[in-house]
Amino acid sequence: RCLNSFVNKFDVTLITLFTLPDIYREAHINTARAIAMGAIIKELL
């Protein structure tokens, strides 16, 4: 039971480590895009 709990925790950690960079990259791209759009709109106004 203890080992099973450890394995589940390990799986969650691995999944988090694998998915987190994608989420972070997605957020980073969206932020950069928002900043770029803001700059373009500011130029146009």
PDB file of N, CA and C in Angstrom:
ATOM      1  N   ARG A   1       0.839  -1.206   0.000  1.00  0.00           N
ATOM      2  CA  ARG A   1       0.000   0.000   0.000  1.00  0.00           C
ATOM      3  C   ARG A   1       0.874   1.256   0.000  1.00  0.00           C
ATOM      4  N   CYS A   2       1.897   1.239   0.832  1.00  0.00           N
ATOM      5  CA  CYS A   2       2.804   2.390   0.928  1.00  0.00           C
ATOM      6  C   CYS A   2       3.534   2.589  -0.402  1.00  0.00           C
ATOM      7  N   LEU A   3       4.012   1.475  -0.961  1.00  0.00           N
ATOM      8  CA  LEU A   3       4.740   1.528  -2.227  1.00  0.00           C
ATOM      9  C   LEU A   3       3.826   2.027  -3.346  1.00  0.00           C
ATOM     10  N   ASN A   4       2.588   1.530  -3.343  1.00  0.00           N
ATOM     11  CA  ASN A   4       1.616   1.928  -4.360  1.00  0.00           C
ATOM     12  C   ASN A   4       1.387   3.430  -4.304  1.00  0.00           C
ATOM     13  N   SER A   5       1.270   3.955  -3.102  1.00  0.00           N
ATOM     14  CA  SER A   5       1.079   5.392  -2.908  1.00  0.00           C
ATOM     15  C   SER A   5       2.279   6.149  -3.464  1.00  0.00           C
ATOM     16  N   PHE A   6       3.469   5.627  -3.200  1.00  0.00           N
ATOM     17  CA  PHE A   6       4.697   6.262  -3.682  1.00  0.00           C
ATOM     18  C   PHE A   6       4.731   6.270  -5.210  1.00  0.00           C
ATOM     19  N   VAL A   7       4.348   5.144  -5.816  1.00  0.00           N
ATOM     20  CA  VAL A   7       4.351   5.031  -7.279  1.00  0.00           C
ATOM     21  C   VAL A   7       3.362   6.023  -7.883  1.00  0.00           C
ATOM     22  N   ASN A   8       2.187   6.148  -7.268  1.00  0.00           N
ATOM     23  CA  ASN A   8       1.190   7.103  -7.761  1.00  0.00           C
ATOM     24  C   ASN A   8       1.729   8.520  -7.690  1.00  0.00           C
ATOM     25  N   LYS A   9       2.391   8.840  -6.579  1.00  0.00           N
ATOM     26  CA  LYS A   9       2.963  10.172  -6.400  1.00  0.00           C
ATOM     27  C   LYS A   9       4.032  10.409  -7.469  1.00  0.00           C
ATOM     28  N   PHE A  10       4.827   9.366  -7.736  1.00  0.00           N
ATOM     29  CA  PHE A  10       5.895   9.454  -8.731  1.00  0.00           C
ATOM     30  C   PHE A  10       5.302   9.705 -10.115  1.00  0.00           C
ATOM     31  N   ASP A  11       4.207   8.980 -10.438  1.00  0.00           N
ATOM     32  CA  ASP A  11       3.534   9.159 -11.725  1.00  0.00           C
ATOM     33  C   ASP A  11       3.033  10.583 -11.871  1.00  0.00           C
ATOM     34  N   VAL A  12       2.402  11.089 -10.821  1.00  0.00           N
ATOM     35  CA  VAL A  12       1.883  12.459 -10.857  1.00  0.00           C
ATOM     36  C   VAL A  12       3.019  13.443 -11.084  1.00  0.00           C
ATOM     37  N   THR A  13       4.152  13.208 -10.409  1.00  0.00           N
ATOM     38  CA  THR A  13       5.313  14.090 -10.557  1.00  0.00           C
ATOM     39  C   THR A  13       5.819  14.065 -12.001  1.00  0.00           C
ATOM     40  N   LEU A  14       5.920  12.858 -12.569  1.00  0.00           N
ATOM     41  CA  LEU A  14       6.388  12.732 -13.951  1.00  0.00           C
ATOM     42  C   LEU A  14       5.448  13.438 -14.913  1.00  0.00           C
ATOM     43  N   ILE A  15       4.147  13.198 -14.732  1.00  0.00           N
ATOM     44  CA  ILE A  15       3.152  13.823 -15.611  1.00  0.00           C
ATOM     45  C   ILE A  15       3.260  15.338 -15.509  1.00  0.00           C
ATOM     46  N   THR A  16       3.400  15.831 -14.273  1.00  0.00           N
ATOM     47  CA  THR A  16       3.522  17.270 -14.053  1.00  0.00           C
ATOM     48  C   THR A  16       4.761  17.806 -14.756  1.00  0.00           C
ATOM     49  N   LEU A  17       5.883  17.106 -14.602  1.00  0.00           N
ATOM     50  CA  LEU A  17       7.134  17.553 -15.218  1.00  0.00           C
ATOM     51  C   LEU A  17       7.026  17.575 -16.738  1.00  0.00           C
ATOM     52  N   PHE A  18       6.281  16.603 -17.296  1.00  0.00           N
ATOM     53  CA  PHE A  18       6.156  16.550 -18.749  1.00  0.00           C
ATOM     54  C   PHE A  18       5.172  17.576 -19.290  1.00  0.00           C
ATOM     55  N   THR A  19       4.079  17.831 -18.545  1.00  0.00           N
ATOM     56  CA  THR A  19       3.052  18.735 -19.058  1.00  0.00           C
ATOM     57  C   THR A  19       3.337  20.190 -18.732  1.00  0.00           C
ATOM     58  N   LEU A  20       4.038  20.439 -17.625  1.00  0.00           N
ATOM     59  CA  LEU A  20       4.290  21.808 -17.192  1.00  0.00           C
ATOM     60  C   LEU A  20       5.026  22.644 -18.239  1.00  0.00           C
ATOM     61  N   PRO A  21       6.099  22.143 -18.864  1.00  0.00           N
ATOM     62  CA  PRO A  21       6.786  22.947 -19.884  1.00  0.00           C
ATOM     63  C   PRO A  21       5.845  23.362 -21.016  1.00  0.00           C
ATOM     64  N   ASP A  22       4.933  22.459 -21.425  1.00  0.00           N
ATOM     65  CA  ASP A  22       3.984  22.792 -22.489  1.00  0.00           C
ATOM     66  C   ASP A  22       3.065  23.920 -22.051  1.00  0.00           C
ATOM     67  N   ILE A  23       2.536  23.805 -20.822  1.00  0.00           N
ATOM     68  CA  ILE A  23       1.650  24.846 -20.293  1.00  0.00           C
ATOM     69  C   ILE A  23       2.415  26.160 -20.208  1.00  0.00           C
ATOM     70  N   TYR A  24       3.654  26.083 -19.695  1.00  0.00           N
ATOM     71  CA  TYR A  24       4.476  27.278 -19.525  1.00  0.00           C
ATOM     72  C   TYR A  24       4.785  27.923 -20.876  1.00  0.00           C
ATOM     73  N   ARG A  25       5.139  27.070 -21.851  1.00  0.00           N
ATOM     74  CA  ARG A  25       5.467  27.568 -23.191  1.00  0.00           C
ATOM     75  C   ARG A  25       4.236  28.227 -23.808  1.00  0.00           C
ATOM     76  N   GLU A  26       3.078  27.578 -23.649  1.00  0.00           N
ATOM     77  CA  GLU A  26       1.824  28.111 -24.180  1.00  0.00           C
ATOM     78  C   GLU A  26       1.529  29.477 -23.575  1.00  0.00           C
ATOM     79  N   ALA A  27       1.675  29.582 -22.259  1.00  0.00           N
ATOM     80  CA  ALA A  27       1.416  30.843 -21.558  1.00  0.00           C
ATOM     81  C   ALA A  27       2.410  31.903 -22.019  1.00  0.00           C
ATOM     82  N   HIS A  28       3.669  31.486 -22.182  1.00  0.00           N
ATOM     83  CA  HIS A  28       4.725  32.403 -22.596  1.00  0.00           C
ATOM     84  C   HIS A  28       4.426  32.957 -23.992  1.00  0.00           C
ATOM     85  N   ILE A  29       4.022  32.066 -24.906  1.00  0.00           N
ATOM     86  CA  ILE A  29       3.698  32.470 -26.276  1.00  0.00           C
ATOM     87  C   ILE A  29       2.503  33.418 -26.264  1.00  0.00           C
ATOM     88  N   ASN A  30       1.473  33.072 -25.460  1.00  0.00           N
ATOM     89  CA  ASN A  30       0.282  33.925 -25.381  1.00  0.00           C
ATOM     90  C   ASN A  30       0.633  35.293 -24.832  1.00  0.00           C
ATOM     91  N   THR A  31       1.506  35.330 -23.821  1.00  0.00           N
ATOM     92  CA  THR A  31       1.921  36.602 -23.223  1.00  0.00           C
ATOM     93  C   THR A  31       2.676  37.437 -24.255  1.00  0.00           C
ATOM     94  N   ALA A  32       3.616  36.800 -24.960  1.00  0.00           N
ATOM     95  CA  ALA A  32       4.405  37.502 -25.973  1.00  0.00           C
ATOM     96  C   ALA A  32       3.490  38.039 -27.072  1.00  0.00           C
ATOM     97  N   ARG A  33       2.499  37.225 -27.457  1.00  0.00           N
ATOM     98  CA  ARG A  33       1.558  37.624 -28.505  1.00  0.00           C
ATOM     99  C   ARG A  33       0.726  38.814 -28.040  1.00  0.00           C
ATOM    100  N   ALA A  34       0.293  38.765 -26.773  1.00  0.00           N
ATOM    101  CA  ALA A  34      -0.515  39.857 -26.214  1.00  0.00           C
ATOM    102  C   ALA A  34       0.293  41.150 -26.184  1.00  0.00           C
ATOM    103  N   ILE A  35       1.563  41.048 -25.786  1.00  0.00           N
ATOM    104  CA  ILE A  35       2.438  42.227 -25.731  1.00  0.00           C
ATOM    105  C   ILE A  35       2.642  42.783 -27.144  1.00  0.00           C
ATOM    106  N   ALA A  36       2.879  41.885 -28.102  1.00  0.00           N
ATOM    107  CA  ALA A  36       3.082  42.307 -29.487  1.00  0.00           C
ATOM    108  C   ALA A  36       1.829  42.990 -30.029  1.00  0.00           C
ATOM    109  N   MET A  37       0.660  42.395 -29.752  1.00  0.00           N
ATOM    110  CA  MET A  37      -0.604  42.978 -30.205  1.00  0.00           C
ATOM    111  C   MET A  37      -0.799  44.355 -29.586  1.00  0.00           C
ATOM    112  N   GLY A  38      -0.489  44.472 -28.291  1.00  0.00           N
ATOM    113  CA  GLY A  38      -0.614  45.751 -27.594  1.00  0.00           C
ATOM    114  C   GLY A  38       0.277  46.802 -28.232  1.00  0.00           C
ATOM    115  N   ALA A  39       1.508  46.408 -28.578  1.00  0.00           N
ATOM    116  CA  ALA A  39       2.458  47.334 -29.195  1.00  0.00           C
ATOM    117  C   ALA A  39       1.955  47.774 -30.571  1.00  0.00           C
ATOM    118  N   ILE A  40       1.433  46.816 -31.340  1.00  0.00           N
ATOM    119  CA  ILE A  40       0.920  47.125 -32.683  1.00  0.00           C
ATOM    120  C   ILE A  40      -0.268  48.077 -32.586  1.00  0.00           C
ATOM    121  N   ILE A  41      -1.189  47.775 -31.651  1.00  0.00           N
ATOM    122  CA  ILE A  41      -2.375  48.629 -31.476  1.00  0.00           C
ATOM    123  C   ILE A  41      -1.952  50.031 -31.051  1.00  0.00           C
ATOM    124  N   LYS A  42      -0.948  50.095 -30.174  1.00  0.00           N
ATOM    125  CA  LYS A  42      -0.458  51.395 -29.698  1.00  0.00           C
ATOM    126  C   LYS A  42       0.121  52.189 -30.876  1.00  0.00           C
ATOM    127  N   GLU A  43       0.824  51.478 -31.778  1.00  0.00           N
ATOM    128  CA  GLU A  43       1.394  52.131 -32.959  1.00  0.00           C
ATOM    129  C   GLU A  43       0.286  52.673 -33.857  1.00  0.00           C
ATOM    130  N   LEU A  44      -0.775  51.894 -34.013  1.00  0.00           N
ATOM    131  CA  LEU A  44      -1.872  52.283 -34.899  1.00  0.00           C
ATOM    132  C   LEU A  44      -2.662  53.458 -34.341  1.00  0.00           C
ATOM    133  N   LEU A  45      -2.804  53.520 -33.012  1.00  0.00           N
ATOM    134  CA  LEU A  45      -3.634  54.578 -32.411  1.00  0.00           C
ATOM    135  C   LEU A  45      -2.972  55.940 -32.423  1.00  0.00           C
TER     136      LEU A  45
END
